[in-house]
Amino acid sequence: TVYGVCPPDQFQRCRIEHRLACPAQPLPDLWPWLTCLRGE
């Protein structure tokens, strides 16, 4: 299940979707504010 608790326990491990690491798919915009900052 998606674990949206912020901030998580510092030792908690999780899994990530393959699409985030897939070399054939574009990386999604994980942090929109960072994308805006990069543009500026």
PDB file of all heavy atoms in Angstrom:
ATOM      1  N   THR A   1       0.851  -1.183   0.000  1.00  0.00           N
ATOM      2  CA  THR A   1       0.000   0.000   0.000  1.00  0.00           C
ATOM      3  C   THR A   1       0.887   1.232   0.000  1.00  0.00           C
ATOM      4  O   THR A   1       2.017   1.182   0.484  1.00  0.00           O
ATOM      5  CB  THR A   1      -0.956   0.007   1.214  1.00  0.00           C
ATOM      6  OG1 THR A   1      -1.881   1.092   1.079  1.00  0.00           O
ATOM      7  CG2 THR A   1      -0.205   0.137   2.517  1.00  0.00           C
ATOM      8  N   VAL A   2       0.348   2.319  -0.545  1.00  0.00           N
ATOM      9  CA  VAL A   2       1.092   3.577  -0.539  1.00  0.00           C
ATOM     10  C   VAL A   2       1.134   4.089   0.890  1.00  0.00           C
ATOM     11  O   VAL A   2       0.126   4.083   1.597  1.00  0.00           O
ATOM     12  CB  VAL A   2       0.446   4.616  -1.482  1.00  0.00           C
ATOM     13  CG1 VAL A   2       1.110   5.967  -1.335  1.00  0.00           C
ATOM     14  CG2 VAL A   2       0.539   4.140  -2.916  1.00  0.00           C
ATOM     15  N   TYR A   3       2.305   4.523   1.323  1.00  0.00           N
ATOM     16  CA  TYR A   3       2.536   4.962   2.697  1.00  0.00           C
ATOM     17  C   TYR A   3       2.832   6.452   2.683  1.00  0.00           C
ATOM     18  O   TYR A   3       3.958   6.860   2.476  1.00  0.00           O
ATOM     19  CB  TYR A   3       3.694   4.160   3.282  1.00  0.00           C
ATOM     20  CG  TYR A   3       3.983   4.401   4.745  1.00  0.00           C
ATOM     21  CD1 TYR A   3       3.085   3.993   5.715  1.00  0.00           C
ATOM     22  CD2 TYR A   3       5.155   5.009   5.150  1.00  0.00           C
ATOM     23  CE1 TYR A   3       3.352   4.177   7.060  1.00  0.00           C
ATOM     24  CE2 TYR A   3       5.431   5.206   6.494  1.00  0.00           C
ATOM     25  CZ  TYR A   3       4.527   4.785   7.436  1.00  0.00           C
ATOM     26  OH  TYR A   3       4.797   4.971   8.765  1.00  0.00           O
ATOM     27  N   GLY A   4       1.799   7.265   2.861  1.00  0.00           N
ATOM     28  CA  GLY A   4       1.951   8.699   2.758  1.00  0.00           C
ATOM     29  C   GLY A   4       2.232   9.422   4.054  1.00  0.00           C
ATOM     30  O   GLY A   4       2.077  10.634   4.112  1.00  0.00           O
ATOM     31  N   VAL A   5       2.628   8.714   5.099  1.00  0.00           N
ATOM     32  CA  VAL A   5       2.910   9.353   6.383  1.00  0.00           C
ATOM     33  C   VAL A   5       4.156  10.226   6.243  1.00  0.00           C
ATOM     34  O   VAL A   5       5.176   9.793   5.718  1.00  0.00           O
ATOM     35  CB  VAL A   5       3.115   8.301   7.497  1.00  0.00           C
ATOM     36  CG1 VAL A   5       3.566   8.953   8.784  1.00  0.00           C
ATOM     37  CG2 VAL A   5       1.861   7.500   7.706  1.00  0.00           C
ATOM     38  N   CYS A   6       4.054  11.465   6.679  1.00  0.00           N
ATOM     39  CA  CYS A   6       5.198  12.389   6.613  1.00  0.00           C
ATOM     40  C   CYS A   6       5.463  12.953   7.986  1.00  0.00           C
ATOM     41  O   CYS A   6       4.548  13.475   8.608  1.00  0.00           O
ATOM     42  CB  CYS A   6       4.914  13.518   5.643  1.00  0.00           C
ATOM     43  SG  CYS A   6       5.060  13.028   3.952  1.00  0.00           S
ATOM     44  N   PRO A   7       6.632  12.960   8.478  1.00  0.00           N
ATOM     45  CA  PRO A   7       7.754  12.183   7.959  1.00  0.00           C
ATOM     46  C   PRO A   7       7.659  10.753   8.472  1.00  0.00           C
ATOM     47  O   PRO A   7       7.175  10.516   9.575  1.00  0.00           O
ATOM     48  CB  PRO A   7       8.969  12.896   8.553  1.00  0.00           C
ATOM     49  CG  PRO A   7       8.474  13.484   9.835  1.00  0.00           C
ATOM     50  CD  PRO A   7       7.027  13.829   9.600  1.00  0.00           C
ATOM     51  N   PRO A   8       8.113   9.807   7.680  1.00  0.00           N
ATOM     52  CA  PRO A   8       8.079   8.408   8.135  1.00  0.00           C
ATOM     53  C   PRO A   8       9.174   8.164   9.165  1.00  0.00           C
ATOM     54  O   PRO A   8      10.078   8.977   9.337  1.00  0.00           O
ATOM     55  CB  PRO A   8       8.349   7.622   6.853  1.00  0.00           C
ATOM     56  CG  PRO A   8       9.152   8.559   6.019  1.00  0.00           C
ATOM     57  CD  PRO A   8       8.663   9.944   6.343  1.00  0.00           C
ATOM     58  N   ASP A   9       9.083   7.032   9.813  1.00  0.00           N
ATOM     59  CA  ASP A   9      10.135   6.591  10.728  1.00  0.00           C
ATOM     60  C   ASP A   9      11.447   6.581   9.954  1.00  0.00           C
ATOM     61  O   ASP A   9      11.502   6.140   8.804  1.00  0.00           O
ATOM     62  CB  ASP A   9       9.788   5.181  11.214  1.00  0.00           C
ATOM     63  CG  ASP A   9      10.826   4.577  12.143  1.00  0.00           C
ATOM     64  OD1 ASP A   9      12.029   4.892  12.009  1.00  0.00           O
ATOM     65  OD2 ASP A   9      10.442   3.769  13.001  1.00  0.00           O
ATOM     66  N   GLN A  10      12.514   7.042  10.555  1.00  0.00           N
ATOM     67  CA  GLN A  10      13.791   7.167   9.839  1.00  0.00           C
ATOM     68  C   GLN A  10      14.378   5.831   9.388  1.00  0.00           C
ATOM     69  O   GLN A  10      15.243   5.798   8.517  1.00  0.00           O
ATOM     70  CB  GLN A  10      14.805   7.929  10.679  1.00  0.00           C
ATOM     71  CG  GLN A  10      15.201   7.228  11.960  1.00  0.00           C
ATOM     72  CD  GLN A  10      16.253   7.987  12.725  1.00  0.00           C
ATOM     73  OE1 GLN A  10      16.953   8.810  12.168  1.00  0.00           O
ATOM     74  NE2 GLN A  10      16.369   7.716  14.010  1.00  0.00           N
ATOM     75  N   PHE A  11      13.911   4.726   9.951  1.00  0.00           N
ATOM     76  CA  PHE A  11      14.433   3.419   9.568  1.00  0.00           C
ATOM     77  C   PHE A  11      13.454   2.627   8.695  1.00  0.00           C
ATOM     78  O   PHE A  11      13.760   1.513   8.279  1.00  0.00           O
ATOM     79  CB  PHE A  11      14.798   2.599  10.812  1.00  0.00           C
ATOM     80  CG  PHE A  11      15.840   3.282  11.654  1.00  0.00           C
ATOM     81  CD1 PHE A  11      15.507   3.839  12.876  1.00  0.00           C
ATOM     82  CD2 PHE A  11      17.153   3.403  11.202  1.00  0.00           C
ATOM     83  CE1 PHE A  11      16.460   4.487  13.653  1.00  0.00           C
ATOM     84  CE2 PHE A  11      18.108   4.048  11.972  1.00  0.00           C
ATOM     85  CZ  PHE A  11      17.766   4.593  13.195  1.00  0.00           C
ATOM     86  N   GLN A  12      12.274   3.174   8.417  1.00  0.00           N
ATOM     87  CA  GLN A  12      11.255   2.499   7.606  1.00  0.00           C
ATOM     88  C   GLN A  12      11.760   2.307   6.179  1.00  0.00           C
ATOM     89  O   GLN A  12      12.280   3.227   5.567  1.00  0.00           O
ATOM     90  CB  GLN A  12       9.967   3.331   7.581  1.00  0.00           C
ATOM     91  CG  GLN A  12       8.884   2.778   6.684  1.00  0.00           C
ATOM     92  CD  GLN A  12       8.234   1.547   7.244  1.00  0.00           C
ATOM     93  OE1 GLN A  12       7.809   1.545   8.391  1.00  0.00           O
ATOM     94  NE2 GLN A  12       8.160   0.507   6.459  1.00  0.00           N
ATOM     95  N   ARG A  13      11.631   1.107   5.675  1.00  0.00           N
ATOM     96  CA  ARG A  13      12.001   0.795   4.292  1.00  0.00           C
ATOM     97  C   ARG A  13      10.732   0.750   3.451  1.00  0.00           C
ATOM     98  O   ARG A  13       9.639   0.506   3.959  1.00  0.00           O
ATOM     99  CB  ARG A  13      12.715  -0.554   4.199  1.00  0.00           C
ATOM    100  CG  ARG A  13      14.045  -0.593   4.909  1.00  0.00           C
ATOM    101  CD  ARG A  13      15.084   0.078   4.095  1.00  0.00           C
ATOM    102  NE  ARG A  13      16.381   0.099   4.765  1.00  0.00           N
ATOM    103  CZ  ARG A  13      17.472   0.495   4.174  1.00  0.00           C
ATOM    104  NH1 ARG A  13      17.442   0.902   2.923  1.00  0.00           N
ATOM    105  NH2 ARG A  13      18.602   0.512   4.825  1.00  0.00           N
ATOM    106  N   CYS A  14      10.872   0.989   2.161  1.00  0.00           N
ATOM    107  CA  CYS A  14       9.722   0.933   1.276  1.00  0.00           C
ATOM    108  C   CYS A  14      10.146   0.344  -0.061  1.00  0.00           C
ATOM    109  O   CYS A  14      11.309  -0.015  -0.254  1.00  0.00           O
ATOM    110  CB  CYS A  14       9.108   2.325   1.084  1.00  0.00           C
ATOM    111  SG  CYS A  14      10.137   3.480   0.159  1.00  0.00           S
ATOM    112  N   ARG A  15       9.200   0.225  -0.965  1.00  0.00           N
ATOM    113  CA  ARG A  15       9.449  -0.230  -2.334  1.00  0.00           C
ATOM    114  C   ARG A  15       9.057   0.909  -3.263  1.00  0.00           C
ATOM    115  O   ARG A  15       8.274   1.779  -2.891  1.00  0.00           O
ATOM    116  CB  ARG A  15       8.576  -1.452  -2.659  1.00  0.00           C
ATOM    117  CG  ARG A  15       8.719  -2.656  -1.743  1.00  0.00           C
ATOM    118  CD  ARG A  15       9.973  -3.470  -1.955  1.00  0.00           C
ATOM    119  NE  ARG A  15      10.214  -3.903  -3.308  1.00  0.00           N
ATOM    120  CZ  ARG A  15       9.799  -5.044  -3.841  1.00  0.00           C
ATOM    121  NH1 ARG A  15       9.091  -5.890  -3.118  1.00  0.00           N
ATOM    122  NH2 ARG A  15      10.093  -5.364  -5.093  1.00  0.00           N
ATOM    123  N   ILE A  16       9.591   0.895  -4.478  1.00  0.00           N
ATOM    124  CA  ILE A  16       9.194   1.891  -5.472  1.00  0.00           C
ATOM    125  C   ILE A  16       8.714   1.190  -6.730  1.00  0.00           C
ATOM    126  O   ILE A  16       9.131   0.071  -7.035  1.00  0.00           O
ATOM    127  CB  ILE A  16      10.327   2.876  -5.823  1.00  0.00           C
ATOM    128  CG1 ILE A  16      11.521   2.160  -6.442  1.00  0.00           C
ATOM    129  CG2 ILE A  16      10.741   3.688  -4.611  1.00  0.00           C
ATOM    130  CD1 ILE A  16      12.525   3.085  -7.071  1.00  0.00           C
ATOM    131  N   GLU A  17       7.831   1.869  -7.445  1.00  0.00           N
ATOM    132  CA  GLU A  17       7.325   1.327  -8.694  1.00  0.00           C
ATOM    133  C   GLU A  17       8.440   1.264  -9.723  1.00  0.00           C
ATOM    134  O   GLU A  17       9.291   2.146  -9.790  1.00  0.00           O
ATOM    135  CB  GLU A  17       6.209   2.201  -9.256  1.00  0.00           C
ATOM    136  CG  GLU A  17       4.924   2.107  -8.485  1.00  0.00           C
ATOM    137  CD  GLU A  17       3.866   2.993  -9.103  1.00  0.00           C
ATOM    138  OE1 GLU A  17       3.372   2.645 -10.205  1.00  0.00           O
ATOM    139  OE2 GLU A  17       3.554   4.016  -8.498  1.00  0.00           O
ATOM    140  N   HIS A  18       8.386   0.232 -10.543  1.00  0.00           N
ATOM    141  CA  HIS A  18       9.387   0.085 -11.598  1.00  0.00           C
ATOM    142  C   HIS A  18       9.350   1.280 -12.554  1.00  0.00           C
ATOM    143  O   HIS A  18      10.379   1.702 -13.056  1.00  0.00           O
ATOM    144  CB  HIS A  18       9.170  -1.220 -12.377  1.00  0.00           C
ATOM    145  CG  HIS A  18      10.002  -1.300 -13.612  1.00  0.00           C
ATOM    146  ND1 HIS A  18      11.367  -1.491 -13.569  1.00  0.00           N
ATOM    147  CD2 HIS A  18       9.667  -1.155 -14.920  1.00  0.00           C
ATOM    148  CE1 HIS A  18      11.833  -1.481 -14.814  1.00  0.00           C
ATOM    149  NE2 HIS A  18      10.830  -1.280 -15.642  1.00  0.00           N
ATOM    150  N   ARG A  19       8.184   1.879 -12.774  1.00  0.00           N
ATOM    151  CA  ARG A  19       8.089   2.977 -13.746  1.00  0.00           C
ATOM    152  C   ARG A  19       8.979   4.151 -13.371  1.00  0.00           C
ATOM    153  O   ARG A  19       9.384   4.922 -14.230  1.00  0.00           O
ATOM    154  CB  ARG A  19       6.643   3.428 -13.936  1.00  0.00           C
ATOM    155  CG  ARG A  19       6.055   4.179 -12.778  1.00  0.00           C
ATOM    156  CD  ARG A  19       4.595   4.550 -13.036  1.00  0.00           C
ATOM    157  NE  ARG A  19       4.049   5.241 -11.900  1.00  0.00           N
ATOM    158  CZ  ARG A  19       4.059   6.561 -11.757  1.00  0.00           C
ATOM    159  NH1 ARG A  19       4.566   7.323 -12.698  1.00  0.00           N
ATOM    160  NH2 ARG A  19       3.544   7.114 -10.681  1.00  0.00           N
ATOM    161  N   LEU A  20       9.323   4.289 -12.087  1.00  0.00           N
ATOM    162  CA  LEU A  20      10.225   5.363 -11.670  1.00  0.00           C
ATOM    163  C   LEU A  20      11.661   5.070 -12.077  1.00  0.00           C
ATOM    164  O   LEU A  20      12.471   5.978 -12.207  1.00  0.00           O
ATOM    165  CB  LEU A  20      10.155   5.569 -10.156  1.00  0.00           C
ATOM    166  CG  LEU A  20       8.807   5.998  -9.599  1.00  0.00           C
ATOM    167  CD1 LEU A  20       8.890   6.105  -8.086  1.00  0.00           C
ATOM    168  CD2 LEU A  20       8.342   7.289 -10.215  1.00  0.00           C
ATOM    169  N   ALA A  21      11.992   3.795 -12.275  1.00  0.00           N
ATOM    170  CA  ALA A  21      13.343   3.396 -12.654  1.00  0.00           C
ATOM    171  C   ALA A  21      13.425   2.887 -14.088  1.00  0.00           C
ATOM    172  O   ALA A  21      14.514   2.569 -14.563  1.00  0.00           O
ATOM    173  CB  ALA A  21      13.832   2.308 -11.699  1.00  0.00           C
ATOM    174  N   CYS A  22      12.303   2.824 -14.775  1.00  0.00           N
ATOM    175  CA  CYS A  22      12.254   2.278 -16.133  1.00  0.00           C
ATOM    176  C   CYS A  22      12.994   3.193 -17.100  1.00  0.00           C
ATOM    177  O   CYS A  22      12.670   4.375 -17.214  1.00  0.00           O
ATOM    178  CB  CYS A  22      10.798   2.117 -16.581  1.00  0.00           C
ATOM    179  SG  CYS A  22      10.639   1.436 -18.239  1.00  0.00           S
ATOM    180  N   PRO A  23      13.978   2.647 -17.823  1.00  0.00           N
ATOM    181  CA  PRO A  23      14.726   3.479 -18.760  1.00  0.00           C
ATOM    182  C   PRO A  23      13.928   3.868 -20.002  1.00  0.00           C
ATOM    183  O   PRO A  23      14.322   4.772 -20.728  1.00  0.00           O
ATOM    184  CB  PRO A  23      15.918   2.599 -19.131  1.00  0.00           C
ATOM    185  CG  PRO A  23      15.444   1.211 -18.930  1.00  0.00           C
ATOM    186  CD  PRO A  23      14.479   1.273 -17.777  1.00  0.00           C
ATOM    187  N   ALA A  24      12.797   3.208 -20.240  1.00  0.00           N
ATOM    188  CA  ALA A  24      12.017   3.478 -21.446  1.00  0.00           C
ATOM    189  C   ALA A  24      10.826   4.407 -21.197  1.00  0.00           C
ATOM    190  O   ALA A  24      10.048   4.662 -22.102  1.00  0.00           O
ATOM    191  CB  ALA A  24      11.531   2.160 -22.033  1.00  0.00           C
ATOM    192  N   GLN A  25      10.661   4.895 -19.966  1.00  0.00           N
ATOM    193  CA  GLN A  25       9.553   5.784 -19.655  1.00  0.00           C
ATOM    194  C   GLN A  25      10.098   7.098 -19.097  1.00  0.00           C
ATOM    195  O   GLN A  25      11.097   7.103 -18.385  1.00  0.00           O
ATOM    196  CB  GLN A  25       8.624   5.155 -18.600  1.00  0.00           C
ATOM    197  CG  GLN A  25       7.928   3.906 -19.081  1.00  0.00           C
ATOM    198  CD  GLN A  25       6.962   3.398 -18.035  1.00  0.00           C
ATOM    199  OE1 GLN A  25       6.018   4.078 -17.679  1.00  0.00           O
ATOM    200  NE2 GLN A  25       7.213   2.202 -17.542  1.00  0.00           N
ATOM    201  N   PRO A  26       9.427   8.210 -19.418  1.00  0.00           N
ATOM    202  CA  PRO A  26       9.891   9.487 -18.854  1.00  0.00           C
ATOM    203  C   PRO A  26       9.630   9.516 -17.354  1.00  0.00           C
ATOM    204  O   PRO A  26       8.644   8.959 -16.872  1.00  0.00           O
ATOM    205  CB  PRO A  26       9.051  10.530 -19.590  1.00  0.00           C
ATOM    206  CG  PRO A  26       7.849   9.795 -20.076  1.00  0.00           C
ATOM    207  CD  PRO A  26       8.272   8.365 -20.290  1.00  0.00           C
ATOM    208  N   LEU A  27      10.541  10.148 -16.636  1.00  0.00           N
ATOM    209  CA  LEU A  27      10.384  10.273 -15.193  1.00  0.00           C
ATOM    210  C   LEU A  27       9.238  11.231 -14.896  1.00  0.00           C
ATOM    211  O   LEU A  27       9.180  12.322 -15.459  1.00  0.00           O
ATOM    212  CB  LEU A  27      11.680  10.796 -14.568  1.00  0.00           C
ATOM    213  CG  LEU A  27      11.757  10.806 -13.052  1.00  0.00           C
ATOM    214  CD1 LEU A  27      11.648   9.383 -12.507  1.00  0.00           C
ATOM    215  CD2 LEU A  27      13.061  11.424 -12.596  1.00  0.00           C
ATOM    216  N   PRO A  28       8.309  10.850 -14.031  1.00  0.00           N
ATOM    217  CA  PRO A  28       7.205  11.756 -13.702  1.00  0.00           C
ATOM    218  C   PRO A  28       7.707  12.968 -12.917  1.00  0.00           C
ATOM    219  O   PRO A  28       8.803  12.955 -12.365  1.00  0.00           O
ATOM    220  CB  PRO A  28       6.278  10.890 -12.836  1.00  0.00           C
ATOM    221  CG  PRO A  28       7.153   9.841 -12.278  1.00  0.00           C
ATOM    222  CD  PRO A  28       8.235   9.597 -13.290  1.00  0.00           C
ATOM    223  N   ASP A  29       6.901  13.997 -12.896  1.00  0.00           N
ATOM    224  CA  ASP A  29       7.229  15.229 -12.183  1.00  0.00           C
ATOM    225  C   ASP A  29       6.960  14.994 -10.689  1.00  0.00           C
ATOM    226  O   ASP A  29       5.858  15.198 -10.206  1.00  0.00           O
ATOM    227  CB  ASP A  29       6.362  16.364 -12.722  1.00  0.00           C
ATOM    228  CG  ASP A  29       6.724  17.704 -12.143  1.00  0.00           C
ATOM    229  OD1 ASP A  29       7.790  17.813 -11.502  1.00  0.00           O
ATOM    230  OD2 ASP A  29       5.948  18.644 -12.328  1.00  0.00           O
ATOM    231  N   LEU A  30       7.985  14.513  -9.966  1.00  0.00           N
ATOM    232  CA  LEU A  30       7.801  14.143  -8.565  1.00  0.00           C
ATOM    233  C   LEU A  30       7.623  15.350  -7.653  1.00  0.00           C
ATOM    234  O   LEU A  30       6.926  15.275  -6.663  1.00  0.00           O
ATOM    235  CB  LEU A  30       8.993  13.307  -8.083  1.00  0.00           C
ATOM    236  CG  LEU A  30       9.204  11.985  -8.812  1.00  0.00           C
ATOM    237  CD1 LEU A  30      10.401  11.255  -8.240  1.00  0.00           C
ATOM    238  CD2 LEU A  30       7.975  11.116  -8.709  1.00  0.00           C
ATOM    239  N   TRP A  31       8.294  16.427  -7.957  1.00  0.00           N
ATOM    240  CA  TRP A  31       8.207  17.627  -7.134  1.00  0.00           C
ATOM    241  C   TRP A  31       7.896  18.817  -8.041  1.00  0.00           C
ATOM    242  O   TRP A  31       8.802  19.443  -8.584  1.00  0.00           O
ATOM    243  CB  TRP A  31       9.522  17.882  -6.394  1.00  0.00           C
ATOM    244  CG  TRP A  31       9.889  16.790  -5.455  1.00  0.00           C
ATOM    245  CD1 TRP A  31       9.355  16.567  -4.227  1.00  0.00           C
ATOM    246  CD2 TRP A  31      10.864  15.773  -5.650  1.00  0.00           C
ATOM    247  NE1 TRP A  31       9.948  15.470  -3.653  1.00  0.00           N
ATOM    248  CE2 TRP A  31      10.879  14.967  -4.500  1.00  0.00           C
ATOM    249  CE3 TRP A  31      11.737  15.469  -6.688  1.00  0.00           C
ATOM    250  CZ2 TRP A  31      11.723  13.876  -4.364  1.00  0.00           C
ATOM    251  CZ3 TRP A  31      12.568  14.378  -6.555  1.00  0.00           C
ATOM    252  CH2 TRP A  31      12.551  13.601  -5.407  1.00  0.00           C
ATOM    253  N   PRO A  32       6.610  19.162  -8.243  1.00  0.00           N
ATOM    254  CA  PRO A  32       6.263  20.268  -9.144  1.00  0.00           C
ATOM    255  C   PRO A  32       6.975  21.572  -8.800  1.00  0.00           C
ATOM    256  O   PRO A  32       7.396  22.298  -9.684  1.00  0.00           O
ATOM    257  CB  PRO A  32       4.747  20.403  -8.979  1.00  0.00           C
ATOM    258  CG  PRO A  32       4.300  19.052  -8.526  1.00  0.00           C
ATOM    259  CD  PRO A  32       5.430  18.512  -7.686  1.00  0.00           C
ATOM    260  N   TRP A  33       7.158  21.859  -7.520  1.00  0.00           N
ATOM    261  CA  TRP A  33       7.834  23.101  -7.158  1.00  0.00           C
ATOM    262  C   TRP A  33       9.284  23.097  -7.623  1.00  0.00           C
ATOM    263  O   TRP A  33       9.842  24.122  -7.996  1.00  0.00           O
ATOM    264  CB  TRP A  33       7.751  23.371  -5.651  1.00  0.00           C
ATOM    265  CG  TRP A  33       8.430  22.339  -4.808  1.00  0.00           C
ATOM    266  CD1 TRP A  33       7.866  21.230  -4.244  1.00  0.00           C
ATOM    267  CD2 TRP A  33       9.809  22.296  -4.447  1.00  0.00           C
ATOM    268  NE1 TRP A  33       8.807  20.503  -3.565  1.00  0.00           N
ATOM    269  CE2 TRP A  33      10.017  21.139  -3.660  1.00  0.00           C
ATOM    270  CE3 TRP A  33      10.903  23.126  -4.698  1.00  0.00           C
ATOM    271  CZ2 TRP A  33      11.251  20.797  -3.143  1.00  0.00           C
ATOM    272  CZ3 TRP A  33      12.142  22.771  -4.177  1.00  0.00           C
ATOM    273  CH2 TRP A  33      12.296  21.611  -3.407  1.00  0.00           C
ATOM    274  N   LEU A  34       9.904  21.908  -7.638  1.00  0.00           N
ATOM    275  CA  LEU A  34      11.290  21.816  -8.094  1.00  0.00           C
ATOM    276  C   LEU A  34      11.370  22.023  -9.611  1.00  0.00           C
ATOM    277  O   LEU A  34      12.290  22.658 -10.112  1.00  0.00           O
ATOM    278  CB  LEU A  34      11.885  20.466  -7.706  1.00  0.00           C
ATOM    279  CG  LEU A  34      13.361  20.260  -8.020  1.00  0.00           C
ATOM    280  CD1 LEU A  34      14.219  21.321  -7.343  1.00  0.00           C
ATOM    281  CD2 LEU A  34      13.795  18.878  -7.589  1.00  0.00           C
ATOM    282  N   THR A  35      10.373  21.510 -10.331  1.00  0.00           N
ATOM    283  CA  THR A  35      10.324  21.737 -11.772  1.00  0.00           C
ATOM    284  C   THR A  35      10.199  23.231 -12.067  1.00  0.00           C
ATOM    285  O   THR A  35      10.870  23.753 -12.958  1.00  0.00           O
ATOM    286  CB  THR A  35       9.156  20.956 -12.398  1.00  0.00           C
ATOM    287  OG1 THR A  35       9.347  19.562 -12.119  1.00  0.00           O
ATOM    288  CG2 THR A  35       9.081  21.165 -13.894  1.00  0.00           C
ATOM    289  N   CYS A  36       9.362  23.933 -11.313  1.00  0.00           N
ATOM    290  CA  CYS A  36       9.223  25.386 -11.479  1.00  0.00           C
ATOM    291  C   CYS A  36      10.546  26.086 -11.171  1.00  0.00           C
ATOM    292  O   CYS A  36      10.952  27.005 -11.887  1.00  0.00           O
ATOM    293  CB  CYS A  36       8.127  25.933 -10.572  1.00  0.00           C
ATOM    294  SG  CYS A  36       6.485  25.412 -11.063  1.00  0.00           S
ATOM    295  N   LEU A  37      11.205  25.652 -10.112  1.00  0.00           N
ATOM    296  CA  LEU A  37      12.484  26.255  -9.740  1.00  0.00           C
ATOM    297  C   LEU A  37      13.524  26.025 -10.836  1.00  0.00           C
ATOM    298  O   LEU A  37      14.278  26.933 -11.184  1.00  0.00           O
ATOM    299  CB  LEU A  37      12.969  25.680  -8.406  1.00  0.00           C
ATOM    300  CG  LEU A  37      14.319  26.181  -7.906  1.00  0.00           C
ATOM    301  CD1 LEU A  37      14.278  27.688  -7.665  1.00  0.00           C
ATOM    302  CD2 LEU A  37      14.704  25.450  -6.632  1.00  0.00           C
ATOM    303  N   ARG A  38      13.548  24.828 -11.402  1.00  0.00           N
ATOM    304  CA  ARG A  38      14.485  24.552 -12.494  1.00  0.00           C
ATOM    305  C   ARG A  38      14.220  25.465 -13.685  1.00  0.00           C
ATOM    306  O   ARG A  38      15.141  25.981 -14.314  1.00  0.00           O
ATOM    307  CB  ARG A  38      14.371  23.097 -12.936  1.00  0.00           C
ATOM    308  CG  ARG A  38      15.013  22.142 -11.997  1.00  0.00           C
ATOM    309  CD  ARG A  38      14.922  20.736 -12.547  1.00  0.00           C
ATOM    310  NE  ARG A  38      15.460  19.797 -11.598  1.00  0.00           N
ATOM    311  CZ  ARG A  38      14.993  18.592 -11.412  1.00  0.00           C
ATOM    312  NH1 ARG A  38      13.974  18.175 -12.121  1.00  0.00           N
ATOM    313  NH2 ARG A  38      15.535  17.786 -10.536  1.00  0.00           N
ATOM    314  N   GLY A  39      12.937  25.677 -13.992  1.00  0.00           N
ATOM    315  CA  GLY A  39      12.579  26.563 -15.097  1.00  0.00           C
ATOM    316  C   GLY A  39      13.034  27.988 -14.840  1.00  0.00           C
ATOM    317  O   GLY A  39      13.576  28.656 -15.728  1.00  0.00           O
ATOM    318  N   GLU A  40      12.812  28.472 -13.621  1.00  0.00           N
ATOM    319  CA  GLU A  40      13.238  29.831 -13.272  1.00  0.00           C
ATOM    320  C   GLU A  40      14.757  29.941 -13.308  1.00  0.00           C
ATOM    321  O   GLU A  40      15.309  30.936 -13.797  1.00  0.00           O
ATOM    322  CB  GLU A  40      12.705  30.222 -11.893  1.00  0.00           C
ATOM    323  CG  GLU A  40      13.081  31.607 -11.452  1.00  0.00           C
ATOM    324  CD  GLU A  40      12.667  32.713 -12.431  1.00  0.00           C
ATOM    325  OE1 GLU A  40      11.639  32.568 -13.108  1.00  0.00           O
ATOM    326  OE2 GLU A  40      13.385  33.725 -12.497  1.00  0.00           O
TER     327      GLU A  40
END
